[in-house]
Amino acid sequence: PAGPRSGEDIYQTTCFGCHGTGAAGAPKFGDAAAWAARTEKGLDAVIANAIHGIAPGMPARGTCASCSDDDIAAAVHYMVDHSK
């Protein structure tokens, strides 16, 4: 893509596979309790985990090799903002 994408677009094209279904233990979109537990250490920590990955289930960048750090941050913000 030529430029930043919206958090919603990245979620729909890349993140939904796991965060829409809860696959591999991913916090589901809209699950306030699951996201609250992950944001206890701050949103920056969640974004760093999304960028670098968390073993065993979350691959680096959620498999979005074409996503910039800003794209990943936008996707995380979108998921967290819609899970309150």
PDB file of N, CA and C in Angstrom:
ATOM      1  N   PRO A   1       0.812  -1.203   0.000  1.00  0.00           N
ATOM      2  CA  PRO A   1       0.000   0.000   0.000  1.00  0.00           C
ATOM      3  C   PRO A   1       0.850   1.258   0.000  1.00  0.00           C
ATOM      4  N   ALA A   2       0.324   2.309  -0.548  1.00  0.00           N
ATOM      5  CA  ALA A   2       1.061   3.565  -0.645  1.00  0.00           C
ATOM      6  C   ALA A   2       0.621   4.506   0.465  1.00  0.00           C
ATOM      7  N   GLY A   3       1.074   4.260   1.660  1.00  0.00           N
ATOM      8  CA  GLY A   3       0.742   5.133   2.768  1.00  0.00           C
ATOM      9  C   GLY A   3       0.090   4.386   3.906  1.00  0.00           C
ATOM     10  N   PRO A   4      -0.162   5.111   4.986  1.00  0.00           N
ATOM     11  CA  PRO A   4      -0.751   4.457   6.163  1.00  0.00           C
ATOM     12  C   PRO A   4      -2.173   3.981   5.892  1.00  0.00           C
ATOM     13  N   ARG A   5      -2.502   2.871   6.514  1.00  0.00           N
ATOM     14  CA  ARG A   5      -3.857   2.314   6.422  1.00  0.00           C
ATOM     15  C   ARG A   5      -4.553   2.531   7.745  1.00  0.00           C
ATOM     16  N   SER A   6      -5.851   2.463   7.723  1.00  0.00           N
ATOM     17  CA  SER A   6      -6.598   2.660   8.968  1.00  0.00           C
ATOM     18  C   SER A   6      -6.472   1.418   9.846  1.00  0.00           C
ATOM     19  N   GLY A   7      -6.641   1.612  11.131  1.00  0.00           N
ATOM     20  CA  GLY A   7      -6.626   0.492  12.055  1.00  0.00           C
ATOM     21  C   GLY A   7      -7.707  -0.513  11.721  1.00  0.00           C
ATOM     22  N   GLU A   8      -8.862  -0.026  11.299  1.00  0.00           N
ATOM     23  CA  GLU A   8      -9.956  -0.926  10.930  1.00  0.00           C
ATOM     24  C   GLU A   8      -9.580  -1.775   9.715  1.00  0.00           C
ATOM     25  N   ASP A   9      -8.956  -1.153   8.716  1.00  0.00           N
ATOM     26  CA  ASP A   9      -8.554  -1.895   7.518  1.00  0.00           C
ATOM     27  C   ASP A   9      -7.553  -2.991   7.865  1.00  0.00           C
ATOM     28  N   ILE A  10      -6.576  -2.662   8.684  1.00  0.00           N
ATOM     29  CA  ILE A  10      -5.565  -3.655   9.069  1.00  0.00           C
ATOM     30  C   ILE A  10      -6.211  -4.774   9.875  1.00  0.00           C
ATOM     31  N   TYR A  11      -7.105  -4.411  10.796  1.00  0.00           N
ATOM     32  CA  TYR A  11      -7.805  -5.433  11.569  1.00  0.00           C
ATOM     33  C   TYR A  11      -8.560  -6.378  10.634  1.00  0.00           C
ATOM     34  N   GLN A  12      -9.321  -5.823   9.714  1.00  0.00           N
ATOM     35  CA  GLN A  12     -10.149  -6.639   8.824  1.00  0.00           C
ATOM     36  C   GLN A  12      -9.314  -7.535   7.907  1.00  0.00           C
ATOM     37  N   THR A  13      -8.160  -7.045   7.452  1.00  0.00           N
ATOM     38  CA  THR A  13      -7.362  -7.808   6.490  1.00  0.00           C
ATOM     39  C   THR A  13      -6.317  -8.710   7.119  1.00  0.00           C
ATOM     40  N   THR A  14      -5.878  -8.387   8.320  1.00  0.00           N
ATOM     41  CA  THR A  14      -4.778  -9.142   8.923  1.00  0.00           C
ATOM     42  C   THR A  14      -5.090  -9.718  10.296  1.00  0.00           C
ATOM     43  N   CYS A  15      -5.741  -8.956  11.145  1.00  0.00           N
ATOM     44  CA  CYS A  15      -5.906  -9.337  12.544  1.00  0.00           C
ATOM     45  C   CYS A  15      -7.134 -10.199  12.809  1.00  0.00           C
ATOM     46  N   PHE A  16      -8.154 -10.073  11.955  1.00  0.00           N
ATOM     47  CA  PHE A  16      -9.427 -10.734  12.202  1.00  0.00           C
ATOM     48  C   PHE A  16      -9.297 -12.241  12.353  1.00  0.00           C
ATOM     49  N   GLY A  17      -8.407 -12.856  11.603  1.00  0.00           N
ATOM     50  CA  GLY A  17      -8.276 -14.308  11.643  1.00  0.00           C
ATOM     51  C   GLY A  17      -8.121 -14.845  13.055  1.00  0.00           C
ATOM     52  N   CYS A  18      -7.371 -14.169  13.872  1.00  0.00           N
ATOM     53  CA  CYS A  18      -7.177 -14.609  15.263  1.00  0.00           C
ATOM     54  C   CYS A  18      -8.020 -13.795  16.244  1.00  0.00           C
ATOM     55  N   HIS A  19      -8.028 -12.470  16.088  1.00  0.00           N
ATOM     56  CA  HIS A  19      -8.727 -11.628  17.057  1.00  0.00           C
ATOM     57  C   HIS A  19     -10.236 -11.614  16.850  1.00  0.00           C
ATOM     58  N   GLY A  20     -10.693 -12.078  15.726  1.00  0.00           N
ATOM     59  CA  GLY A  20     -12.127 -12.210  15.501  1.00  0.00           C
ATOM     60  C   GLY A  20     -12.675 -13.521  16.026  1.00  0.00           C
ATOM     61  N   THR A  21     -11.785 -14.503  16.161  1.00  0.00           N
ATOM     62  CA  THR A  21     -12.213 -15.848  16.554  1.00  0.00           C
ATOM     63  C   THR A  21     -11.655 -16.309  17.893  1.00  0.00           C
ATOM     64  N   GLY A  22     -10.594 -15.649  18.362  1.00  0.00           N
ATOM     65  CA  GLY A  22      -9.937 -16.080  19.595  1.00  0.00           C
ATOM     66  C   GLY A  22      -8.914 -17.181  19.356  1.00  0.00           C
ATOM     67  N   ALA A  23      -8.551 -17.407  18.105  1.00  0.00           N
ATOM     68  CA  ALA A  23      -7.577 -18.453  17.772  1.00  0.00           C
ATOM     69  C   ALA A  23      -6.256 -18.211  18.504  1.00  0.00           C
ATOM     70  N   ALA A  24      -5.630 -19.296  18.911  1.00  0.00           N
ATOM     71  CA  ALA A  24      -4.324 -19.264  19.586  1.00  0.00           C
ATOM     72  C   ALA A  24      -4.336 -18.411  20.849  1.00  0.00           C
ATOM     73  N   GLY A  25      -5.515 -18.249  21.455  1.00  0.00           N
ATOM     74  CA  GLY A  25      -5.610 -17.489  22.693  1.00  0.00           C
ATOM     75  C   GLY A  25      -5.653 -15.980  22.515  1.00  0.00           C
ATOM     76  N   ALA A  26      -5.827 -15.522  21.281  1.00  0.00           N
ATOM     77  CA  ALA A  26      -5.878 -14.084  21.022  1.00  0.00           C
ATOM     78  C   ALA A  26      -7.098 -13.469  21.697  1.00  0.00           C
ATOM     79  N   PRO A  27      -6.941 -12.276  22.287  1.00  0.00           N
ATOM     80  CA  PRO A  27      -8.115 -11.603  22.841  1.00  0.00           C
ATOM     81  C   PRO A  27      -9.058 -11.221  21.711  1.00  0.00           C
ATOM     82  N   LYS A  28     -10.316 -11.583  21.848  1.00  0.00           N
ATOM     83  CA  LYS A  28     -11.280 -11.324  20.789  1.00  0.00           C
ATOM     84  C   LYS A  28     -11.698  -9.860  20.750  1.00  0.00           C
ATOM     85  N   PHE A  29     -11.914  -9.398  19.545  1.00  0.00           N
ATOM     86  CA  PHE A  29     -12.426  -8.049  19.310  1.00  0.00           C
ATOM     87  C   PHE A  29     -13.731  -7.893  20.090  1.00  0.00           C
ATOM     88  N   GLY A  30     -13.828  -6.833  20.877  1.00  0.00           N
ATOM     89  CA  GLY A  30     -15.031  -6.582  21.651  1.00  0.00           C
ATOM     90  C   GLY A  30     -15.047  -7.173  23.047  1.00  0.00           C
ATOM     91  N   ASP A  31     -14.069  -8.014  23.389  1.00  0.00           N
ATOM     92  CA  ASP A  31     -14.019  -8.652  24.707  1.00  0.00           C
ATOM     93  C   ASP A  31     -13.293  -7.731  25.684  1.00  0.00           C
ATOM     94  N   ALA A  32     -14.066  -6.910  26.372  1.00  0.00           N
ATOM     95  CA  ALA A  32     -13.504  -5.895  27.265  1.00  0.00           C
ATOM     96  C   ALA A  32     -12.599  -6.487  28.336  1.00  0.00           C
ATOM     97  N   ALA A  33     -13.003  -7.587  28.940  1.00  0.00           N
ATOM     98  CA  ALA A  33     -12.206  -8.185  30.018  1.00  0.00           C
ATOM     99  C   ALA A  33     -10.863  -8.690  29.499  1.00  0.00           C
ATOM    100  N   ALA A  34     -10.867  -9.331  28.357  1.00  0.00           N
ATOM    101  CA  ALA A  34      -9.612  -9.860  27.798  1.00  0.00           C
ATOM    102  C   ALA A  34      -8.648  -8.732  27.449  1.00  0.00           C
ATOM    103  N   TRP A  35      -9.159  -7.666  26.878  1.00  0.00           N
ATOM    104  CA  TRP A  35      -8.286  -6.546  26.519  1.00  0.00           C
ATOM    105  C   TRP A  35      -7.841  -5.770  27.749  1.00  0.00           C
ATOM    106  N   ALA A  36      -8.705  -5.650  28.753  1.00  0.00           N
ATOM    107  CA  ALA A  36      -8.328  -4.937  29.980  1.00  0.00           C
ATOM    108  C   ALA A  36      -7.142  -5.628  30.638  1.00  0.00           C
ATOM    109  N   ALA A  37      -7.155  -6.948  30.643  1.00  0.00           N
ATOM    110  CA  ALA A  37      -6.046  -7.691  31.246  1.00  0.00           C
ATOM    111  C   ALA A  37      -4.742  -7.417  30.503  1.00  0.00           C
ATOM    112  N   ARG A  38      -4.815  -7.244  29.205  1.00  0.00           N
ATOM    113  CA  ARG A  38      -3.606  -7.019  28.413  1.00  0.00           C
ATOM    114  C   ARG A  38      -3.124  -5.576  28.459  1.00  0.00           C
ATOM    115  N   THR A  39      -4.010  -4.644  28.727  1.00  0.00           N
ATOM    116  CA  THR A  39      -3.615  -3.237  28.759  1.00  0.00           C
ATOM    117  C   THR A  39      -3.219  -2.760  30.153  1.00  0.00           C
ATOM    118  N   GLU A  40      -3.204  -3.655  31.127  1.00  0.00           N
ATOM    119  CA  GLU A  40      -2.824  -3.255  32.492  1.00  0.00           C
ATOM    120  C   GLU A  40      -1.437  -2.633  32.550  1.00  0.00           C
ATOM    121  N   LYS A  41      -0.528  -3.087  31.704  1.00  0.00           N
ATOM    122  CA  LYS A  41       0.840  -2.542  31.692  1.00  0.00           C
ATOM    123  C   LYS A  41       0.973  -1.368  30.727  1.00  0.00           C
ATOM    124  N   GLY A  42      -0.131  -0.946  30.145  1.00  0.00           N
ATOM    125  CA  GLY A  42      -0.132   0.195  29.243  1.00  0.00           C
ATOM    126  C   GLY A  42      -0.242  -0.211  27.786  1.00  0.00           C
ATOM    127  N   LEU A  43      -0.778   0.703  27.016  1.00  0.00           N
ATOM    128  CA  LEU A  43      -0.990   0.448  25.597  1.00  0.00           C
ATOM    129  C   LEU A  43       0.326   0.312  24.843  1.00  0.00           C
ATOM    130  N   ASP A  44       1.361   1.021  25.275  1.00  0.00           N
ATOM    131  CA  ASP A  44       2.665   0.900  24.612  1.00  0.00           C
ATOM    132  C   ASP A  44       3.191  -0.530  24.695  1.00  0.00           C
ATOM    133  N   ALA A  45       2.946  -1.202  25.811  1.00  0.00           N
ATOM    134  CA  ALA A  45       3.383  -2.591  25.960  1.00  0.00           C
ATOM    135  C   ALA A  45       2.615  -3.504  25.011  1.00  0.00           C
ATOM    136  N   VAL A  46       1.328  -3.259  24.838  1.00  0.00           N
ATOM    137  CA  VAL A  46       0.519  -4.062  23.919  1.00  0.00           C
ATOM    138  C   VAL A  46       1.002  -3.855  22.486  1.00  0.00           C
ATOM    139  N   ILE A  47       1.285  -2.620  22.134  1.00  0.00           N
ATOM    140  CA  ILE A  47       1.778  -2.314  20.785  1.00  0.00           C
ATOM    141  C   ILE A  47       3.137  -2.980  20.560  1.00  0.00           C
ATOM    142  N   ALA A  48       4.024  -2.904  21.538  1.00  0.00           N
ATOM    143  CA  ALA A  48       5.336  -3.559  21.409  1.00  0.00           C
ATOM    144  C   ALA A  48       5.179  -5.063  21.230  1.00  0.00           C
ATOM    145  N   ASN A  49       4.254  -5.667  21.979  1.00  0.00           N
ATOM    146  CA  ASN A  49       4.010  -7.102  21.822  1.00  0.00           C
ATOM    147  C   ASN A  49       3.499  -7.423  20.420  1.00  0.00           C
ATOM    148  N   ALA A  50       2.637  -6.560  19.889  1.00  0.00           N
ATOM    149  CA  ALA A  50       2.109  -6.789  18.540  1.00  0.00           C
ATOM    150  C   ALA A  50       3.213  -6.655  17.493  1.00  0.00           C
ATOM    151  N   ILE A  51       4.112  -5.730  17.698  1.00  0.00           N
ATOM    152  CA  ILE A  51       5.209  -5.529  16.743  1.00  0.00           C
ATOM    153  C   ILE A  51       6.209  -6.680  16.806  1.00  0.00           C
ATOM    154  N   HIS A  52       6.582  -7.091  18.006  1.00  0.00           N
ATOM    155  CA  HIS A  52       7.640  -8.092  18.178  1.00  0.00           C
ATOM    156  C   HIS A  52       7.137  -9.523  18.313  1.00  0.00           C
ATOM    157  N   GLY A  53       5.854  -9.679  18.628  1.00  0.00           N
ATOM    158  CA  GLY A  53       5.281 -11.008  18.800  1.00  0.00           C
ATOM    159  C   GLY A  53       5.402 -11.509  20.226  1.00  0.00           C
ATOM    160  N   ILE A  54       4.577 -12.510  20.546  1.00  0.00           N
ATOM    161  CA  ILE A  54       4.579 -13.149  21.863  1.00  0.00           C
ATOM    162  C   ILE A  54       4.473 -14.647  21.625  1.00  0.00           C
ATOM    163  N   ALA A  55       5.423 -15.387  22.134  1.00  0.00           N
ATOM    164  CA  ALA A  55       5.366 -16.850  21.990  1.00  0.00           C
ATOM    165  C   ALA A  55       4.328 -17.399  22.949  1.00  0.00           C
ATOM    166  N   PRO A  56       3.592 -18.390  22.584  1.00  0.00           N
ATOM    167  CA  PRO A  56       3.701 -19.153  21.354  1.00  0.00           C
ATOM    168  C   PRO A  56       2.739 -18.705  20.267  1.00  0.00           C
ATOM    169  N   GLY A  57       1.737 -17.860  20.549  1.00  0.00           N
ATOM    170  CA  GLY A  57       0.667 -17.647  19.589  1.00  0.00           C
ATOM    171  C   GLY A  57       0.737 -16.415  18.703  1.00  0.00           C
ATOM    172  N   MET A  58       1.280 -15.310  19.188  1.00  0.00           N
ATOM    173  CA  MET A  58       1.253 -14.062  18.425  1.00  0.00           C
ATOM    174  C   MET A  58       2.538 -13.883  17.644  1.00  0.00           C
ATOM    175  N   PRO A  59       2.485 -14.036  16.314  1.00  0.00           N
ATOM    176  CA  PRO A  59       3.691 -13.803  15.523  1.00  0.00           C
ATOM    177  C   PRO A  59       3.994 -12.311  15.426  1.00  0.00           C
ATOM    178  N   ALA A  60       5.219 -11.976  15.165  1.00  0.00           N
ATOM    179  CA  ALA A  60       5.602 -10.578  14.988  1.00  0.00           C
ATOM    180  C   ALA A  60       4.730  -9.942  13.924  1.00  0.00           C
ATOM    181  N   ARG A  61       4.223  -8.772  14.228  1.00  0.00           N
ATOM    182  CA  ARG A  61       3.367  -8.004  13.329  1.00  0.00           C
ATOM    183  C   ARG A  61       2.104  -8.756  12.920  1.00  0.00           C
ATOM    184  N   GLY A  62       1.758  -9.799  13.667  1.00  0.00           N
ATOM    185  CA  GLY A  62       0.554 -10.550  13.356  1.00  0.00           C
ATOM    186  C   GLY A  62       0.559 -11.092  11.944  1.00  0.00           C
ATOM    187  N   THR A  63       1.704 -11.333  11.408  1.00  0.00           N
ATOM    188  CA  THR A  63       1.970 -11.802  10.035  1.00  0.00           C
ATOM    189  C   THR A  63       1.804 -10.716   8.976  1.00  0.00           C
ATOM    190  N   CYS A  64       1.635  -9.465   9.360  1.00  0.00           N
ATOM    191  CA  CYS A  64       1.513  -8.376   8.385  1.00  0.00           C
ATOM    192  C   CYS A  64       2.894  -7.783   8.119  1.00  0.00           C
ATOM    193  N   ALA A  65       3.657  -8.447   7.289  1.00  0.00           N
ATOM    194  CA  ALA A  65       5.025  -8.005   6.989  1.00  0.00           C
ATOM    195  C   ALA A  65       5.055  -6.624   6.349  1.00  0.00           C
ATOM    196  N   SER A  66       3.977  -6.234   5.675  1.00  0.00           N
ATOM    197  CA  SER A  66       3.951  -4.924   5.013  1.00  0.00           C
ATOM    198  C   SER A  66       3.494  -3.804   5.939  1.00  0.00           C
ATOM    199  N   CYS A  67       3.128  -4.133   7.180  1.00  0.00           N
ATOM    200  CA  CYS A  67       2.659  -3.118   8.125  1.00  0.00           C
ATOM    201  C   CYS A  67       3.822  -2.395   8.781  1.00  0.00           C
ATOM    202  N   SER A  68       3.720  -1.078   8.833  1.00  0.00           N
ATOM    203  CA  SER A  68       4.702  -0.274   9.568  1.00  0.00           C
ATOM    204  C   SER A  68       4.364  -0.339  11.061  1.00  0.00           C
ATOM    205  N   ASP A  69       5.263   0.168  11.884  1.00  0.00           N
ATOM    206  CA  ASP A  69       4.971   0.252  13.319  1.00  0.00           C
ATOM    207  C   ASP A  69       3.705   1.083  13.552  1.00  0.00           C
ATOM    208  N   ASP A  70       3.544   2.165  12.783  1.00  0.00           N
ATOM    209  CA  ASP A  70       2.355   3.006  12.925  1.00  0.00           C
ATOM    210  C   ASP A  70       1.088   2.254  12.531  1.00  0.00           C
ATOM    211  N   ASP A  71       1.184   1.408  11.497  1.00  0.00           N
ATOM    212  CA  ASP A  71       0.038   0.593  11.099  1.00  0.00           C
ATOM    213  C   ASP A  71      -0.358  -0.360  12.218  1.00  0.00           C
ATOM    214  N   ILE A  72       0.637  -1.008  12.810  1.00  0.00           N
ATOM    215  CA  ILE A  72       0.363  -1.949  13.905  1.00  0.00           C
ATOM    216  C   ILE A  72      -0.267  -1.202  15.077  1.00  0.00           C
ATOM    217  N   ALA A  73       0.284  -0.042  15.406  1.00  0.00           N
ATOM    218  CA  ALA A  73      -0.269   0.758  16.504  1.00  0.00           C
ATOM    219  C   ALA A  73      -1.720   1.138  16.208  1.00  0.00           C
ATOM    220  N   ALA A  74      -2.016   1.502  14.970  1.00  0.00           N
ATOM    221  CA  ALA A  74      -3.391   1.866  14.599  1.00  0.00           C
ATOM    222  C   ALA A  74      -4.334   0.684  14.773  1.00  0.00           C
ATOM    223  N   ALA A  75      -3.881  -0.503  14.396  1.00  0.00           N
ATOM    224  CA  ALA A  75      -4.712  -1.703  14.545  1.00  0.00           C
ATOM    225  C   ALA A  75      -4.960  -2.013  16.019  1.00  0.00           C
ATOM    226  N   VAL A  76      -3.932  -1.893  16.846  1.00  0.00           N
ATOM    227  CA  VAL A  76      -4.087  -2.133  18.280  1.00  0.00           C
ATOM    228  C   VAL A  76      -5.061  -1.116  18.873  1.00  0.00           C
ATOM    229  N   HIS A  77      -4.887   0.143  18.548  1.00  0.00           N
ATOM    230  CA  HIS A  77      -5.802   1.172  19.051  1.00  0.00           C
ATOM    231  C   HIS A  77      -7.237   0.863  18.627  1.00  0.00           C
ATOM    232  N   TYR A  78      -7.425   0.462  17.389  1.00  0.00           N
ATOM    233  CA  TYR A  78      -8.770   0.131  16.903  1.00  0.00           C
ATOM    234  C   TYR A  78      -9.376  -1.006  17.719  1.00  0.00           C
ATOM    235  N   MET A  79      -8.610  -2.072  17.935  1.00  0.00           N
ATOM    236  CA  MET A  79      -9.140  -3.212  18.687  1.00  0.00           C
ATOM    237  C   MET A  79      -9.436  -2.855  20.130  1.00  0.00           C
ATOM    238  N   VAL A  80      -8.527  -2.135  20.769  1.00  0.00           N
ATOM    239  CA  VAL A  80      -8.714  -1.765  22.181  1.00  0.00           C
ATOM    240  C   VAL A  80      -9.885  -0.780  22.318  1.00  0.00           C
ATOM    241  N   ASP A  81      -9.934   0.216  21.435  1.00  0.00           N
ATOM    242  CA  ASP A  81     -11.007   1.211  21.514  1.00  0.00           C
ATOM    243  C   ASP A  81     -12.383   0.583  21.323  1.00  0.00           C
ATOM    244  N   HIS A  82     -12.467  -0.496  20.579  1.00  0.00           N
ATOM    245  CA  HIS A  82     -13.750  -1.148  20.328  1.00  0.00           C
ATOM    246  C   HIS A  82     -13.981  -2.342  21.255  1.00  0.00           C
ATOM    247  N   SER A  83     -13.206  -2.388  22.320  1.00  0.00           N
ATOM    248  CA  SER A  83     -13.328  -3.502  23.268  1.00  0.00           C
ATOM    249  C   SER A  83     -13.408  -2.968  24.699  1.00  0.00           C
ATOM    250  N   LYS A  84     -14.130  -1.902  24.875  1.00  0.00           N
ATOM    251  CA  LYS A  84     -14.274  -1.292  26.208  1.00  0.00           C
ATOM    252  C   LYS A  84     -15.665  -1.516  26.739  1.00  0.00           C
TER     253      LYS A  84
END
